[in-house]
PDB file of N, CA and C in Angstrom:
ATOM      1  N   MET A   1       0.847  -1.173   0.000  1.00  0.00           N
ATOM      2  CA  MET A   1       0.000   0.000   0.000  1.00  0.00           C
ATOM      3  C   MET A   1       0.893   1.237   0.000  1.00  0.00           C
ATOM      4  N   PRO A   2       0.611   2.224  -0.880  1.00  0.00           N
ATOM      5  CA  PRO A   2       1.413   3.442  -0.931  1.00  0.00           C
ATOM      6  C   PRO A   2       1.282   4.244   0.359  1.00  0.00           C
ATOM      7  N   ALA A   3       2.250   5.111   0.570  1.00  0.00           N
ATOM      8  CA  ALA A   3       2.278   5.911   1.800  1.00  0.00           C
ATOM      9  C   ALA A   3       1.056   6.810   1.907  1.00  0.00           C
ATOM     10  N   SER A   4       0.572   7.340   0.786  1.00  0.00           N
ATOM     11  CA  SER A   4      -0.591   8.237   0.845  1.00  0.00           C
ATOM     12  C   SER A   4      -1.834   7.488   1.308  1.00  0.00           C
ATOM     13  N   ASP A   5      -1.966   6.211   0.928  1.00  0.00           N
ATOM     14  CA  ASP A   5      -3.099   5.416   1.389  1.00  0.00           C
ATOM     15  C   ASP A   5      -3.021   5.191   2.887  1.00  0.00           C
ATOM     16  N   ASP A   6      -1.806   4.983   3.410  1.00  0.00           N
ATOM     17  CA  ASP A   6      -1.635   4.831   4.852  1.00  0.00           C
ATOM     18  C   ASP A   6      -2.094   6.096   5.576  1.00  0.00           C
ATOM     19  N   CYS A   7      -1.734   7.256   5.041  1.00  0.00           N
ATOM     20  CA  CYS A   7      -2.126   8.524   5.656  1.00  0.00           C
ATOM     21  C   CYS A   7      -3.640   8.695   5.616  1.00  0.00           C
ATOM     22  N   ASN A   8      -4.248   8.347   4.482  1.00  0.00           N
ATOM     23  CA  ASN A   8      -5.697   8.471   4.369  1.00  0.00           C
ATOM     24  C   ASN A   8      -6.411   7.564   5.345  1.00  0.00           C
ATOM     25  N   GLU A   9      -5.918   6.329   5.480  1.00  0.00           N
ATOM     26  CA  GLU A   9      -6.527   5.406   6.444  1.00  0.00           C
ATOM     27  C   GLU A   9      -6.379   5.937   7.851  1.00  0.00           C
ATOM     28  N   GLU A  10      -5.192   6.430   8.169  1.00  0.00           N
ATOM     29  CA  GLU A  10      -4.947   6.955   9.505  1.00  0.00           C
ATOM     30  C   GLU A  10      -5.824   8.177   9.760  1.00  0.00           C
ATOM     31  N   LEU A  11      -5.931   9.050   8.774  1.00  0.00           N
ATOM     32  CA  LEU A  11      -6.779  10.230   8.905  1.00  0.00           C
ATOM     33  C   LEU A  11      -8.229   9.817   9.088  1.00  0.00           C
ATOM     34  N   SER A  12      -8.674   8.876   8.276  1.00  0.00           N
ATOM     35  CA  SER A  12     -10.050   8.415   8.351  1.00  0.00           C
ATOM     36  C   SER A  12     -10.341   7.814   9.723  1.00  0.00           C
ATOM     37  N   GLY A  13      -9.432   7.027  10.230  1.00  0.00           N
ATOM     38  CA  GLY A  13      -9.626   6.424  11.548  1.00  0.00           C
ATOM     39  C   GLY A  13      -9.641   7.454  12.650  1.00  0.00           C
ATOM     40  N   SER A  14      -8.715   8.394  12.616  1.00  0.00           N
ATOM     41  CA  SER A  14      -8.676   9.418  13.659  1.00  0.00           C
ATOM     42  C   SER A  14      -9.852  10.384  13.510  1.00  0.00           C
ATOM     43  N   TYR A  15     -10.290  10.585  12.285  1.00  0.00           N
ATOM     44  CA  TYR A  15     -11.443  11.458  12.053  1.00  0.00           C
ATOM     45  C   TYR A  15     -12.686  10.870  12.705  1.00  0.00           C
ATOM     46  N   ARG A  16     -12.887   9.578  12.519  1.00  0.00           N
ATOM     47  CA  ARG A  16     -14.077   8.931  13.067  1.00  0.00           C
ATOM     48  C   ARG A  16     -14.067   8.886  14.585  1.00  0.00           C
ATOM     49  N   THR A  17     -12.916   8.808  15.181  1.00  0.00           N
ATOM     50  CA  THR A  17     -12.861   8.758  16.638  1.00  0.00           C
ATOM     51  C   THR A  17     -12.702  10.142  17.244  1.00  0.00           C
ATOM     52  N   GLY A  18     -12.429  11.149  16.424  1.00  0.00           N
ATOM     53  CA  GLY A  18     -12.217  12.504  16.918  1.00  0.00           C
ATOM     54  C   GLY A  18     -13.522  13.209  17.233  1.00  0.00           C
ATOM     55  N   SER A  19     -13.412  14.344  17.874  1.00  0.00           N
ATOM     56  CA  SER A  19     -14.585  15.100  18.282  1.00  0.00           C
ATOM     57  C   SER A  19     -15.287  15.770  17.098  1.00  0.00           C
ATOM     58  N   PHE A  20     -14.538  16.062  16.012  1.00  0.00           N
ATOM     59  CA  PHE A  20     -15.173  16.682  14.853  1.00  0.00           C
ATOM     60  C   PHE A  20     -16.221  15.754  14.240  1.00  0.00           C
ATOM     61  N   TYR A  21     -15.914  14.481  14.179  1.00  0.00           N
ATOM     62  CA  TYR A  21     -16.864  13.513  13.636  1.00  0.00           C
ATOM     63  C   TYR A  21     -18.135  13.501  14.480  1.00  0.00           C
ATOM     64  N   GLU A  22     -17.979  13.541  15.783  1.00  0.00           N
ATOM     65  CA  GLU A  22     -19.141  13.554  16.677  1.00  0.00           C
ATOM     66  C   GLU A  22     -19.953  14.837  16.481  1.00  0.00           C
ATOM     67  N   LEU A  23     -19.252  15.954  16.317  1.00  0.00           N
ATOM     68  CA  LEU A  23     -19.936  17.222  16.069  1.00  0.00           C
ATOM     69  C   LEU A  23     -20.706  17.165  14.757  1.00  0.00           C
ATOM     70  N   GLU A  24     -20.058  16.624  13.729  1.00  0.00           N
ATOM     71  CA  GLU A  24     -20.716  16.511  12.430  1.00  0.00           C
ATOM     72  C   GLU A  24     -21.948  15.613  12.522  1.00  0.00           C
ATOM     73  N   LYS A  25     -21.829  14.501  13.209  1.00  0.00           N
ATOM     74  CA  LYS A  25     -22.981  13.612  13.394  1.00  0.00           C
ATOM     75  C   LYS A  25     -24.111  14.348  14.115  1.00  0.00           C
ATOM     76  N   TYR A  26     -23.761  15.097  15.148  1.00  0.00           N
ATOM     77  CA  TYR A  26     -24.760  15.849  15.904  1.00  0.00           C
ATOM     78  C   TYR A  26     -25.450  16.882  15.009  1.00  0.00           C
ATOM     79  N   LEU A  27     -24.656  17.607  14.207  1.00  0.00           N
ATOM     80  CA  LEU A  27     -25.237  18.617  13.338  1.00  0.00           C
ATOM     81  C   LEU A  27     -26.170  18.004  12.304  1.00  0.00           C
ATOM     82  N   TYR A  28     -25.763  16.867  11.736  1.00  0.00           N
ATOM     83  CA  TYR A  28     -26.649  16.198  10.773  1.00  0.00           C
ATOM     84  C   TYR A  28     -27.927  15.722  11.454  1.00  0.00           C
ATOM     85  N   SER A  29     -27.831  15.215  12.647  1.00  0.00           N
ATOM     86  CA  SER A  29     -29.037  14.770  13.343  1.00  0.00           C
ATOM     87  C   SER A  29     -29.883  15.963  13.753  1.00  0.00           C
ATOM     88  N   PHE A  30     -29.234  17.100  13.990  1.00  0.00           N
ATOM     89  CA  PHE A  30     -29.929  18.316  14.383  1.00  0.00           C
ATOM     90  C   PHE A  30     -30.807  18.837  13.247  1.00  0.00           C
ATOM     91  N   ILE A  31     -30.288  18.773  12.032  1.00  0.00           N
ATOM     92  CA  ILE A  31     -31.002  19.315  10.877  1.00  0.00           C
ATOM     93  C   ILE A  31     -31.765  18.237  10.115  1.00  0.00           C
ATOM     94  N   ASP A  32     -31.382  17.004  10.277  1.00  0.00           N
ATOM     95  CA  ASP A  32     -31.977  15.898   9.524  1.00  0.00           C
ATOM     96  C   ASP A  32     -33.469  15.783   9.793  1.00  0.00           C
ATOM     97  N   GLY A  33     -34.237  15.636   8.741  1.00  0.00           N
ATOM     98  CA  GLY A  33     -35.675  15.513   8.861  1.00  0.00           C
ATOM     99  C   GLY A  33     -36.154  14.112   9.173  1.00  0.00           C
ATOM    100  N   SER A  34     -35.247  13.166   9.352  1.00  0.00           N
ATOM    101  CA  SER A  34     -35.677  11.793   9.599  1.00  0.00           C
ATOM    102  C   SER A  34     -35.951  11.521  11.076  1.00  0.00           C
ATOM    103  N   THR A  35     -35.620  12.470  11.954  1.00  0.00           N
ATOM    104  CA  THR A  35     -35.932  12.318  13.376  1.00  0.00           C
ATOM    105  C   THR A  35     -36.981  13.356  13.753  1.00  0.00           C
ATOM    106  N   ILE A  36     -37.666  13.113  14.822  1.00  0.00           N
ATOM    107  CA  ILE A  36     -38.709  14.043  15.254  1.00  0.00           C
ATOM    108  C   ILE A  36     -38.106  15.398  15.602  1.00  0.00           C
ATOM    109  N   SER A  37     -37.022  15.397  16.362  1.00  0.00           N
ATOM    110  CA  SER A  37     -36.405  16.678  16.720  1.00  0.00           C
ATOM    111  C   SER A  37     -35.812  17.355  15.493  1.00  0.00           C
ATOM    112  N   GLY A  38     -35.268  16.585  14.570  1.00  0.00           N
ATOM    113  CA  GLY A  38     -34.736  17.153  13.331  1.00  0.00           C
ATOM    114  C   GLY A  38     -35.831  17.771  12.485  1.00  0.00           C
ATOM    115  N   MET A  39     -36.973  17.105  12.420  1.00  0.00           N
ATOM    116  CA  MET A  39     -38.104  17.641  11.664  1.00  0.00           C
ATOM    117  C   MET A  39     -38.588  18.949  12.286  1.00  0.00           C
ATOM    118  N   GLU A  40     -38.630  18.992  13.610  1.00  0.00           N
ATOM    119  CA  GLU A  40     -39.060  20.211  14.304  1.00  0.00           C
ATOM    120  C   GLU A  40     -38.085  21.359  14.025  1.00  0.00           C
ATOM    121  N   ARG A  41     -36.810  21.064  14.056  1.00  0.00           N
ATOM    122  CA  ARG A  41     -35.814  22.102  13.781  1.00  0.00           C
ATOM    123  C   ARG A  41     -35.906  22.592  12.338  1.00  0.00           C
ATOM    124  N   MET A  42     -36.145  21.675  11.411  1.00  0.00           N
ATOM    125  CA  MET A  42     -36.310  22.080  10.012  1.00  0.00           C
ATOM    126  C   MET A  42     -37.560  22.948   9.858  1.00  0.00           C
ATOM    127  N   ARG A  43     -38.619  22.563  10.544  1.00  0.00           N
ATOM    128  CA  ARG A  43     -39.864  23.334  10.478  1.00  0.00           C
ATOM    129  C   ARG A  43     -39.623  24.745  11.003  1.00  0.00           C
ATOM    130  N   LEU A  44     -38.941  24.856  12.134  1.00  0.00           N
ATOM    131  CA  LEU A  44     -38.652  26.167  12.700  1.00  0.00           C
ATOM    132  C   LEU A  44     -37.748  26.980  11.788  1.00  0.00           C
ATOM    133  N   LYS A  45     -36.763  26.315  11.205  1.00  0.00           N
ATOM    134  CA  LYS A  45     -35.832  27.012  10.310  1.00  0.00           C
ATOM    135  C   LYS A  45     -36.576  27.563   9.100  1.00  0.00           C
ATOM    136  N   LEU A  46     -37.515  26.802   8.562  1.00  0.00           N
ATOM    137  CA  LEU A  46     -38.258  27.256   7.386  1.00  0.00           C
ATOM    138  C   LEU A  46     -39.388  28.207   7.763  1.00  0.00           C
ATOM    139  N   GLN A  47     -39.907  28.065   8.971  1.00  0.00           N
ATOM    140  CA  GLN A  47     -41.026  28.896   9.402  1.00  0.00           C
ATOM    141  C   GLN A  47     -40.606  30.355   9.558  1.00  0.00           C
ATOM    142  N   THR A  48     -39.394  30.602   9.980  1.00  0.00           N
ATOM    143  CA  THR A  48     -38.928  31.969  10.206  1.00  0.00           C
ATOM    144  C   THR A  48     -38.990  32.810   8.929  1.00  0.00           C
ATOM    145  N   PRO A  49     -38.396  32.374   7.802  1.00  0.00           N
ATOM    146  CA  PRO A  49     -38.492  33.200   6.586  1.00  0.00           C
ATOM    147  C   PRO A  49     -39.930  33.352   6.098  1.00  0.00           C
ATOM    148  N   VAL A  50     -40.727  32.305   6.237  1.00  0.00           N
ATOM    149  CA  VAL A  50     -42.120  32.377   5.802  1.00  0.00           C
ATOM    150  C   VAL A  50     -42.873  33.393   6.663  1.00  0.00           C
ATOM    151  N   GLY A  51     -42.598  33.401   7.951  1.00  0.00           N
ATOM    152  CA  GLY A  51     -43.235  34.367   8.848  1.00  0.00           C
ATOM    153  C   GLY A  51     -42.843  35.796   8.517  1.00  0.00           C
ATOM    154  N   ILE A  52     -41.572  35.995   8.177  1.00  0.00           N
ATOM    155  CA  ILE A  52     -41.102  37.332   7.813  1.00  0.00           C
ATOM    156  C   ILE A  52     -41.785  37.807   6.536  1.00  0.00           C
ATOM    157  N   VAL A  53     -41.857  36.934   5.546  1.00  0.00           N
ATOM    158  CA  VAL A  53     -42.521  37.287   4.284  1.00  0.00           C
ATOM    159  C   VAL A  53     -43.994  37.578   4.524  1.00  0.00           C
ATOM    160  N   ASP A  54     -44.632  36.792   5.375  1.00  0.00           N
ATOM    161  CA  ASP A  54     -46.045  37.011   5.685  1.00  0.00           C
ATOM    162  C   ASP A  54     -46.256  38.390   6.311  1.00  0.00           C
ATOM    163  N   ARG A  55     -45.380  38.772   7.235  1.00  0.00           N
ATOM    164  CA  ARG A  55     -45.491  40.101   7.859  1.00  0.00           C
ATOM    165  C   ARG A  55     -45.233  41.216   6.850  1.00  0.00           C
ATOM    166  N   LEU A  56     -44.267  40.999   5.956  1.00  0.00           N
ATOM    167  CA  LEU A  56     -43.994  42.009   4.925  1.00  0.00           C
ATOM    168  C   LEU A  56     -45.200  42.199   3.999  1.00  0.00           C
ATOM    169  N   ILE A  57     -45.789  41.097   3.581  1.00  0.00           N
ATOM    170  CA  ILE A  57     -46.959  41.175   2.699  1.00  0.00           C
ATOM    171  C   ILE A  57     -48.113  41.861   3.411  1.00  0.00           C
ATOM    172  N   SER A  58     -48.305  41.528   4.676  1.00  0.00           N
ATOM    173  CA  SER A  58     -49.369  42.148   5.460  1.00  0.00           C
ATOM    174  C   SER A  58     -49.146  43.656   5.586  1.00  0.00           C
ATOM    175  N   SER A  59     -47.911  44.053   5.851  1.00  0.00           N
ATOM    176  CA  SER A  59     -47.592  45.485   5.961  1.00  0.00           C
ATOM    177  C   SER A  59     -47.811  46.197   4.631  1.00  0.00           C
ATOM    178  N   CYS A  60     -47.385  45.567   3.554  1.00  0.00           N
ATOM    179  CA  CYS A  60     -47.581  46.160   2.221  1.00  0.00           C
ATOM    180  C   CYS A  60     -49.061  46.288   1.909  1.00  0.00           C
ATOM    181  N   ARG A  61     -49.827  45.286   2.260  1.00  0.00           N
ATOM    182  CA  ARG A  61     -51.275  45.317   2.019  1.00  0.00           C
ATOM    183  C   ARG A  61     -51.898  46.493   2.782  1.00  0.00           C
ATOM    184  N   THR A  62     -51.471  46.701   4.023  1.00  0.00           N
ATOM    185  CA  THR A  62     -51.987  47.813   4.828  1.00  0.00           C
ATOM    186  C   THR A  62     -51.643  49.151   4.187  1.00  0.00           C
ATOM    187  N   ILE A  63     -50.408  49.305   3.741  1.00  0.00           N
ATOM    188  CA  ILE A  63     -49.972  50.559   3.113  1.00  0.00           C
ATOM    189  C   ILE A  63     -50.749  50.820   1.827  1.00  0.00           C
ATOM    190  N   VAL A  64     -50.902  49.789   1.009  1.00  0.00           N
ATOM    191  CA  VAL A  64     -51.625  49.946  -0.259  1.00  0.00           C
ATOM    192  C   VAL A  64     -53.092  50.290   0.011  1.00  0.00           C
ATOM    193  N   THR A  65     -53.698  49.659   0.995  1.00  0.00           N
ATOM    194  CA  THR A  65     -55.093  49.945   1.346  1.00  0.00           C
ATOM    195  C   THR A  65     -55.239  51.391   1.810  1.00  0.00           C
ATOM    196  N   GLN A  66     -54.296  51.859   2.649  1.00  0.00           N
ATOM    197  CA  GLN A  66     -54.342  53.255   3.107  1.00  0.00           C
ATOM    198  C   GLN A  66     -54.170  54.210   1.924  1.00  0.00           C
ATOM    199  N   ASP A  67     -53.210  53.924   1.061  1.00  0.00           N
ATOM    200  CA  ASP A  67     -52.992  54.779  -0.113  1.00  0.00           C
ATOM    201  C   ASP A  67     -54.233  54.827  -0.996  1.00  0.00           C
ATOM    202  N   TYR A  68     -54.891  53.697  -1.157  1.00  0.00           N
ATOM    203  CA  TYR A  68     -56.118  53.636  -1.942  1.00  0.00           C
ATOM    204  C   TYR A  68     -57.198  54.519  -1.316  1.00  0.00           C
ATOM    205  N   GLN A  69     -57.340  54.429   0.006  1.00  0.00           N
ATOM    206  CA  GLN A  69     -58.359  55.245   0.690  1.00  0.00           C
ATOM    207  C   GLN A  69     -58.061  56.735   0.539  1.00  0.00           C
ATOM    208  N   TYR A  70     -56.786  57.130   0.689  1.00  0.00           N
ATOM    209  CA  TYR A  70     -56.414  58.537   0.524  1.00  0.00           C
ATOM    210  C   TYR A  70     -56.683  59.003  -0.904  1.00  0.00           C
ATOM    211  N   ALA A  71     -56.327  58.189  -1.874  1.00  0.00           N
ATOM    212  CA  ALA A  71     -56.544  58.546  -3.279  1.00  0.00           C
ATOM    213  C   ALA A  71     -58.039  58.671  -3.568  1.00  0.00           C
ATOM    214  N   LYS A  72     -58.827  57.790  -3.009  1.00  0.00           N
ATOM    215  CA  LYS A  72     -60.279  57.824  -3.199  1.00  0.00           C
ATOM    216  C   LYS A  72     -60.857  59.112  -2.595  1.00  0.00           C
ATOM    217  N   GLN A  73     -60.366  59.475  -1.401  1.00  0.00           N
ATOM    218  CA  GLN A  73     -60.826  60.716  -0.766  1.00  0.00           C
ATOM    219  C   GLN A  73     -60.431  61.930  -1.603  1.00  0.00           C
ATOM    220  N   HIS A  74     -59.204  61.942  -2.103  1.00  0.00           N
ATOM    221  CA  HIS A  74     -58.753  63.056  -2.931  1.00  0.00           C
ATOM    222  C   HIS A  74     -59.555  63.150  -4.229  1.00  0.00           C
ATOM    223  N   LEU A  75     -59.855  62.014  -4.824  1.00  0.00           N
ATOM    224  CA  LEU A  75     -60.658  62.010  -6.040  1.00  0.00           C
ATOM    225  C   LEU A  75     -62.057  62.559  -5.773  1.00  0.00           C
ATOM    226  N   THR A  76     -62.639  62.161  -4.666  1.00  0.00           N
ATOM    227  CA  THR A  76     -63.964  62.661  -4.297  1.00  0.00           C
ATOM    228  C   THR A  76     -63.907  64.175  -4.088  1.00  0.00           C
ATOM    229  N   ALA A  77     -62.865  64.634  -3.400  1.00  0.00           N
ATOM    230  CA  ALA A  77     -62.727  66.072  -3.165  1.00  0.00           C
ATOM    231  C   ALA A  77     -62.549  66.821  -4.489  1.00  0.00           C
ATOM    232  N   MET A  78     -61.739  66.276  -5.375  1.00  0.00           N
ATOM    233  CA  MET A  78     -61.526  66.930  -6.680  1.00  0.00           C
ATOM    234  C   MET A  78     -62.801  66.944  -7.499  1.00  0.00           C
ATOM    235  N   ASN A  79     -63.560  65.869  -7.459  1.00  0.00           N
ATOM    236  CA  ASN A  79     -64.830  65.822  -8.176  1.00  0.00           C
ATOM    237  C   ASN A  79     -65.801  66.879  -7.626  1.00  0.00           C
ATOM    238  N   ASP A  80     -65.779  67.085  -6.308  1.00  0.00           N
ATOM    239  CA  ASP A  80     -66.638  68.106  -5.703  1.00  0.00           C
ATOM    240  C   ASP A  80     -66.219  69.499  -6.164  1.00  0.00           C
ATOM    241  N   VAL A  81     -64.922  69.743  -6.260  1.00  0.00           N
ATOM    242  CA  VAL A  81     -64.430  71.058  -6.719  1.00  0.00           C
ATOM    243  C   VAL A  81     -64.830  71.285  -8.164  1.00  0.00           C
ATOM    244  N   VAL A  82     -64.702  70.267  -8.996  1.00  0.00           N
ATOM    245  CA  VAL A  82     -65.040  70.400 -10.429  1.00  0.00           C
ATOM    246  C   VAL A  82     -66.542  70.631 -10.589  1.00  0.00           C
ATOM    247  N   LYS A  83     -67.374  69.980  -9.779  1.00  0.00           N
ATOM    248  CA  LYS A  83     -68.840  70.145  -9.888  1.00  0.00           C
ATOM    249  C   LYS A  83     -69.275  71.549  -9.489  1.00  0.00           C
ATOM    250  N   CYS A  84     -68.538  72.177  -8.580  1.00  0.00           N
ATOM    251  CA  CYS A  84     -68.900  73.514  -8.120  1.00  0.00           C
ATOM    252  C   CYS A  84     -68.624  74.571  -9.182  1.00  0.00           C
ATOM    253  N   LYS A  85     -67.760  74.317 -10.079  1.00  0.00           N
ATOM    254  CA  LYS A  85     -67.399  75.322 -11.094  1.00  0.00           C
ATOM    255  C   LYS A  85     -68.348  75.338 -12.222  1.00  0.00           C
TER     256      LYS A  85
END
């Protein structure tokens, strides 16, 4: 076996027994949708952007509705001025 293969085997073995491997396993289980806690974390992770977009759309809807009401009032006022002349 070439020397590079020995290094790869040694690295692979130490990687699996090292703390980084355990951290990686934990992170995958944390985000993985195949476990109940992983599914909950994925739901929360996806729920946040959806909630932000929902609030933005709601705020925009409120602003557009207010602008529409102001424009409608101004149009009514202008129509009243034109009728008086």
